[in-house]
Amino acid sequence: MREGVNHLKIQKFIILSAIGASALVLAACTKTSAPSSASNQAPAVSSSTPQVGNQITYTDSGFSPNPINVKVGEAVTFKNASNNVVQVNSAPHPAHNLFPMLNIGAINPGESKSVTFTAAGTYKYHNHLNASQNGQIIVQ
């Protein structure tokens, strides 16, 4: 019996270690320098419901409005109004390396995620699951 309990503790430790290591690897993969039109400082990403206003709505036909103009310091909310998961990622596809702050990942139907922009520039993004669906955020 004691041997079984120790075995479960070891399995739990291995699983948690693998999850932690995976998170570190993913974080390291997104560390790239941004072009001169955008800050190297990544905007904050939040999955809570932010202020109303600067909202990009995703439907089965794509993102709207496109483009959207916002001011430095404002949040942009991606709202999934479709029946499918959307995966918001930075341009270009499939590298996703120009604007790492826009690699916000999957948004389930009915959910939202927000990004606050701290620097002026033109930020391009797309739906990784359908790269022909794309858009841009112009921060002034």
C-alpha atoms as a PDB file:
ATOM      1  CA  MET A   1       0.000   0.000   0.000  1.00  0.00           C
ATOM      2  CA  ARG A   2       2.780   2.436   0.966  1.00  0.00           C
ATOM      3  CA  GLU A   3       4.571   1.625  -2.288  1.00  0.00           C
ATOM      4  CA  GLY A   4       1.453   2.647  -4.267  1.00  0.00           C
ATOM      5  CA  VAL A   5       1.201   5.992  -2.446  1.00  0.00           C
ATOM      6  CA  ASN A   6       4.877   6.758  -3.144  1.00  0.00           C
ATOM      7  CA  HIS A   7       4.384   5.826  -6.804  1.00  0.00           C
ATOM      8  CA  LEU A   8       1.463   8.297  -7.083  1.00  0.00           C
ATOM      9  CA  LYS A   9       3.541  11.061  -5.467  1.00  0.00           C
ATOM     10  CA  ILE A  10       6.347  10.446  -7.957  1.00  0.00           C
ATOM     11  CA  GLN A  11       3.905  10.520 -10.894  1.00  0.00           C
ATOM     12  CA  LYS A  12       2.384  13.786  -9.638  1.00  0.00           C
ATOM     13  CA  PHE A  13       5.856  15.320  -9.260  1.00  0.00           C
ATOM     14  CA  ILE A  14       6.833  14.268 -12.801  1.00  0.00           C
ATOM     15  CA  ILE A  15       3.638  15.694 -14.302  1.00  0.00           C
ATOM     16  CA  LEU A  16       3.973  19.018 -12.474  1.00  0.00           C
ATOM     17  CA  SER A  17       7.643  19.248 -13.466  1.00  0.00           C
ATOM     18  CA  ALA A  18       6.757  18.626 -17.119  1.00  0.00           C
ATOM     19  CA  ILE A  19       4.067  21.319 -17.033  1.00  0.00           C
ATOM     20  CA  GLY A  20       6.487  23.807 -15.475  1.00  0.00           C
ATOM     21  CA  ALA A  21       9.205  23.005 -17.994  1.00  0.00           C
ATOM     22  CA  SER A  22       6.741  23.341 -20.885  1.00  0.00           C
ATOM     23  CA  ALA A  23       5.668  26.774 -19.660  1.00  0.00           C
ATOM     24  CA  LEU A  24       9.289  27.917 -19.539  1.00  0.00           C
ATOM     25  CA  VAL A  25       9.977  26.625 -23.048  1.00  0.00           C
ATOM     26  CA  LEU A  26       6.870  28.351 -24.432  1.00  0.00           C
ATOM     27  CA  ALA A  27       7.802  31.600 -22.712  1.00  0.00           C
ATOM     28  CA  ALA A  28      11.290  31.441 -24.175  1.00  0.00           C
ATOM     29  CA  CYS A  29       9.916  30.800 -27.672  1.00  0.00           C
ATOM     30  CA  THR A  30       7.922  34.050 -27.634  1.00  0.00           C
ATOM     31  CA  LYS A  31      10.873  36.237 -26.644  1.00  0.00           C
ATOM     32  CA  THR A  32      11.694  38.074 -29.869  1.00  0.00           C
ATOM     33  CA  SER A  33      12.458  41.682 -30.565  1.00  0.00           C
ATOM     34  CA  ALA A  34       9.639  43.756 -32.007  1.00  0.00           C
ATOM     35  CA  PRO A  35      10.094  45.895 -35.106  1.00  0.00           C
ATOM     36  CA  SER A  36      10.680  49.622 -34.721  1.00  0.00           C
ATOM     37  CA  SER A  37       6.969  50.393 -35.179  1.00  0.00           C
ATOM     38  CA  ALA A  38       6.134  48.634 -31.903  1.00  0.00           C
ATOM     39  CA  SER A  39       7.575  48.695 -28.421  1.00  0.00           C
ATOM     40  CA  ASN A  40       9.668  45.864 -27.031  1.00  0.00           C
ATOM     41  CA  GLN A  41       7.450  46.132 -23.970  1.00  0.00           C
ATOM     42  CA  ALA A  42       4.607  43.638 -24.285  1.00  0.00           C
ATOM     43  CA  PRO A  43       1.082  44.884 -23.637  1.00  0.00           C
ATOM     44  CA  ALA A  44      -0.785  43.271 -20.776  1.00  0.00           C
ATOM     45  CA  VAL A  45      -3.127  40.412 -21.696  1.00  0.00           C
ATOM     46  CA  SER A  46      -6.236  39.766 -19.656  1.00  0.00           C
ATOM     47  CA  SER A  47      -9.122  37.329 -19.952  1.00  0.00           C
ATOM     48  CA  SER A  48     -11.456  39.408 -17.801  1.00  0.00           C
ATOM     49  CA  THR A  49     -14.115  41.615 -19.308  1.00  0.00           C
ATOM     50  CA  PRO A  50     -12.482  45.029 -19.790  1.00  0.00           C
ATOM     51  CA  GLN A  51     -13.851  48.468 -20.545  1.00  0.00           C
ATOM     52  CA  VAL A  52     -16.360  48.643 -23.393  1.00  0.00           C
ATOM     53  CA  GLY A  53     -15.265  50.423 -26.561  1.00  0.00           C
ATOM     54  CA  ASN A  54     -12.278  49.040 -28.405  1.00  0.00           C
ATOM     55  CA  GLN A  55     -13.703  45.639 -29.235  1.00  0.00           C
ATOM     56  CA  ILE A  56     -12.804  43.392 -32.145  1.00  0.00           C
ATOM     57  CA  THR A  57     -15.532  40.832 -32.707  1.00  0.00           C
ATOM     58  CA  TYR A  58     -14.689  37.506 -34.303  1.00  0.00           C
ATOM     59  CA  THR A  59     -17.430  35.777 -36.319  1.00  0.00           C
ATOM     60  CA  ASP A  60     -17.226  32.882 -38.772  1.00  0.00           C
ATOM     61  CA  SER A  61     -16.423  35.422 -41.505  1.00  0.00           C
ATOM     62  CA  GLY A  62     -13.484  37.022 -39.663  1.00  0.00           C
ATOM     63  CA  PHE A  63     -12.579  40.007 -37.484  1.00  0.00           C
ATOM     64  CA  SER A  64     -14.509  43.293 -37.313  1.00  0.00           C
ATOM     65  CA  PRO A  65     -13.770  46.175 -37.299  1.00  0.00           C
ATOM     66  CA  ASN A  66     -10.669  45.824 -39.375  1.00  0.00           C
ATOM     67  CA  PRO A  67      -8.545  47.853 -38.965  1.00  0.00           C
ATOM     68  CA  ILE A  68      -9.254  49.376 -35.564  1.00  0.00           C
ATOM     69  CA  ASN A  69      -7.670  52.622 -34.316  1.00  0.00           C
ATOM     70  CA  VAL A  70      -6.875  53.085 -30.624  1.00  0.00           C
ATOM     71  CA  LYS A  71      -4.760  55.338 -28.446  1.00  0.00           C
ATOM     72  CA  VAL A  72      -1.632  54.342 -26.506  1.00  0.00           C
ATOM     73  CA  GLY A  73      -2.676  52.957 -23.121  1.00  0.00           C
ATOM     74  CA  GLU A  74      -6.072  51.706 -24.296  1.00  0.00           C
ATOM     75  CA  ALA A  75      -7.176  48.096 -24.172  1.00  0.00           C
ATOM     76  CA  VAL A  76      -8.470  46.152 -27.166  1.00  0.00           C
ATOM     77  CA  THR A  77     -10.820  43.256 -26.480  1.00  0.00           C
ATOM     78  CA  PHE A  78     -11.096  40.256 -28.785  1.00  0.00           C
ATOM     79  CA  LYS A  79     -14.638  38.848 -28.417  1.00  0.00           C
ATOM     80  CA  ASN A  80     -15.474  35.462 -29.944  1.00  0.00           C
ATOM     81  CA  ALA A  81     -19.058  35.710 -31.242  1.00  0.00           C
ATOM     82  CA  SER A  82     -18.763  32.576 -33.395  1.00  0.00           C
ATOM     83  CA  ASN A  83     -19.598  28.961 -32.606  1.00  0.00           C
ATOM     84  CA  ASN A  84     -15.954  27.916 -32.986  1.00  0.00           C
ATOM     85  CA  VAL A  85     -12.691  28.467 -31.148  1.00  0.00           C
ATOM     86  CA  VAL A  86     -10.555  31.265 -32.594  1.00  0.00           C
ATOM     87  CA  GLN A  87      -6.799  31.390 -32.003  1.00  0.00           C
ATOM     88  CA  VAL A  88      -5.441  34.947 -32.162  1.00  0.00           C
ATOM     89  CA  ASN A  89      -1.767  35.129 -33.099  1.00  0.00           C
ATOM     90  CA  SER A  90       0.689  37.728 -34.338  1.00  0.00           C
ATOM     91  CA  ALA A  91       1.679  38.151 -37.955  1.00  0.00           C
ATOM     92  CA  PRO A  92       3.181  36.537 -39.932  1.00  0.00           C
ATOM     93  CA  HIS A  93       1.669  33.062 -40.115  1.00  0.00           C
ATOM     94  CA  PRO A  94       2.989  30.572 -39.008  1.00  0.00           C
ATOM     95  CA  ALA A  95       6.001  32.211 -37.272  1.00  0.00           C
ATOM     96  CA  HIS A  96       3.936  34.581 -35.066  1.00  0.00           C
ATOM     97  CA  ASN A  97       7.063  36.560 -34.258  1.00  0.00           C
ATOM     98  CA  LEU A  98       6.460  40.201 -35.260  1.00  0.00           C
ATOM     99  CA  PHE A  99       4.156  41.164 -32.376  1.00  0.00           C
ATOM    100  CA  PRO A 100       4.464  38.499 -29.646  1.00  0.00           C
ATOM    101  CA  MET A 101       2.023  40.339 -27.393  1.00  0.00           C
ATOM    102  CA  LEU A 102      -0.729  39.366 -29.834  1.00  0.00           C
ATOM    103  CA  ASN A 103      -0.055  35.651 -29.375  1.00  0.00           C
ATOM    104  CA  ILE A 104      -2.997  35.491 -26.988  1.00  0.00           C
ATOM    105  CA  GLY A 105      -4.071  32.028 -28.087  1.00  0.00           C
ATOM    106  CA  ALA A 106      -7.423  30.312 -28.069  1.00  0.00           C
ATOM    107  CA  ILE A 107     -10.645  32.145 -27.274  1.00  0.00           C
ATOM    108  CA  ASN A 108     -13.665  29.915 -26.805  1.00  0.00           C
ATOM    109  CA  PRO A 109     -17.121  30.865 -28.136  1.00  0.00           C
ATOM    110  CA  GLY A 110     -18.642  33.619 -26.002  1.00  0.00           C
ATOM    111  CA  GLU A 111     -15.341  34.471 -24.294  1.00  0.00           C
ATOM    112  CA  SER A 112     -13.078  37.525 -24.553  1.00  0.00           C
ATOM    113  CA  LYS A 113      -9.414  38.376 -24.044  1.00  0.00           C
ATOM    114  CA  SER A 114      -7.865  41.838 -23.923  1.00  0.00           C
ATOM    115  CA  VAL A 115      -4.537  43.442 -24.733  1.00  0.00           C
ATOM    116  CA  THR A 116      -3.452  46.911 -23.550  1.00  0.00           C
ATOM    117  CA  PHE A 117      -1.109  48.699 -25.958  1.00  0.00           C
ATOM    118  CA  THR A 118       1.691  50.740 -24.391  1.00  0.00           C
ATOM    119  CA  ALA A 119       3.380  51.939 -27.590  1.00  0.00           C
ATOM    120  CA  ALA A 120       2.298  53.441 -30.893  1.00  0.00           C
ATOM    121  CA  GLY A 121       2.520  51.293 -34.008  1.00  0.00           C
ATOM    122  CA  THR A 122       0.601  49.062 -36.400  1.00  0.00           C
ATOM    123  CA  TYR A 123       0.065  45.589 -34.962  1.00  0.00           C
ATOM    124  CA  LYS A 124      -0.997  42.763 -37.289  1.00  0.00           C
ATOM    125  CA  TYR A 125      -2.707  39.535 -36.217  1.00  0.00           C
ATOM    126  CA  HIS A 126      -4.621  36.579 -37.652  1.00  0.00           C
ATOM    127  CA  ASN A 127      -6.653  33.514 -36.728  1.00  0.00           C
ATOM    128  CA  HIS A 128      -4.046  30.754 -36.595  1.00  0.00           C
ATOM    129  CA  LEU A 129      -6.758  28.186 -37.391  1.00  0.00           C
ATOM    130  CA  ASN A 130      -7.668  30.083 -40.602  1.00  0.00           C
ATOM    131  CA  ALA A 131      -4.783  32.401 -41.517  1.00  0.00           C
ATOM    132  CA  SER A 132      -6.799  34.122 -44.265  1.00  0.00           C
ATOM    133  CA  GLN A 133      -8.769  35.799 -41.446  1.00  0.00           C
ATOM    134  CA  ASN A 134      -6.545  38.672 -40.321  1.00  0.00           C
ATOM    135  CA  GLY A 135      -6.562  42.217 -39.104  1.00  0.00           C
ATOM    136  CA  GLN A 136      -4.577  45.104 -37.751  1.00  0.00           C
ATOM    137  CA  ILE A 137      -4.653  47.440 -34.782  1.00  0.00           C
ATOM    138  CA  ILE A 138      -3.348  50.952 -35.313  1.00  0.00           C
ATOM    139  CA  VAL A 139      -2.145  52.473 -32.039  1.00  0.00           C
ATOM    140  CA  GLN A 140      -1.597  56.257 -32.048  1.00  0.00           C
END
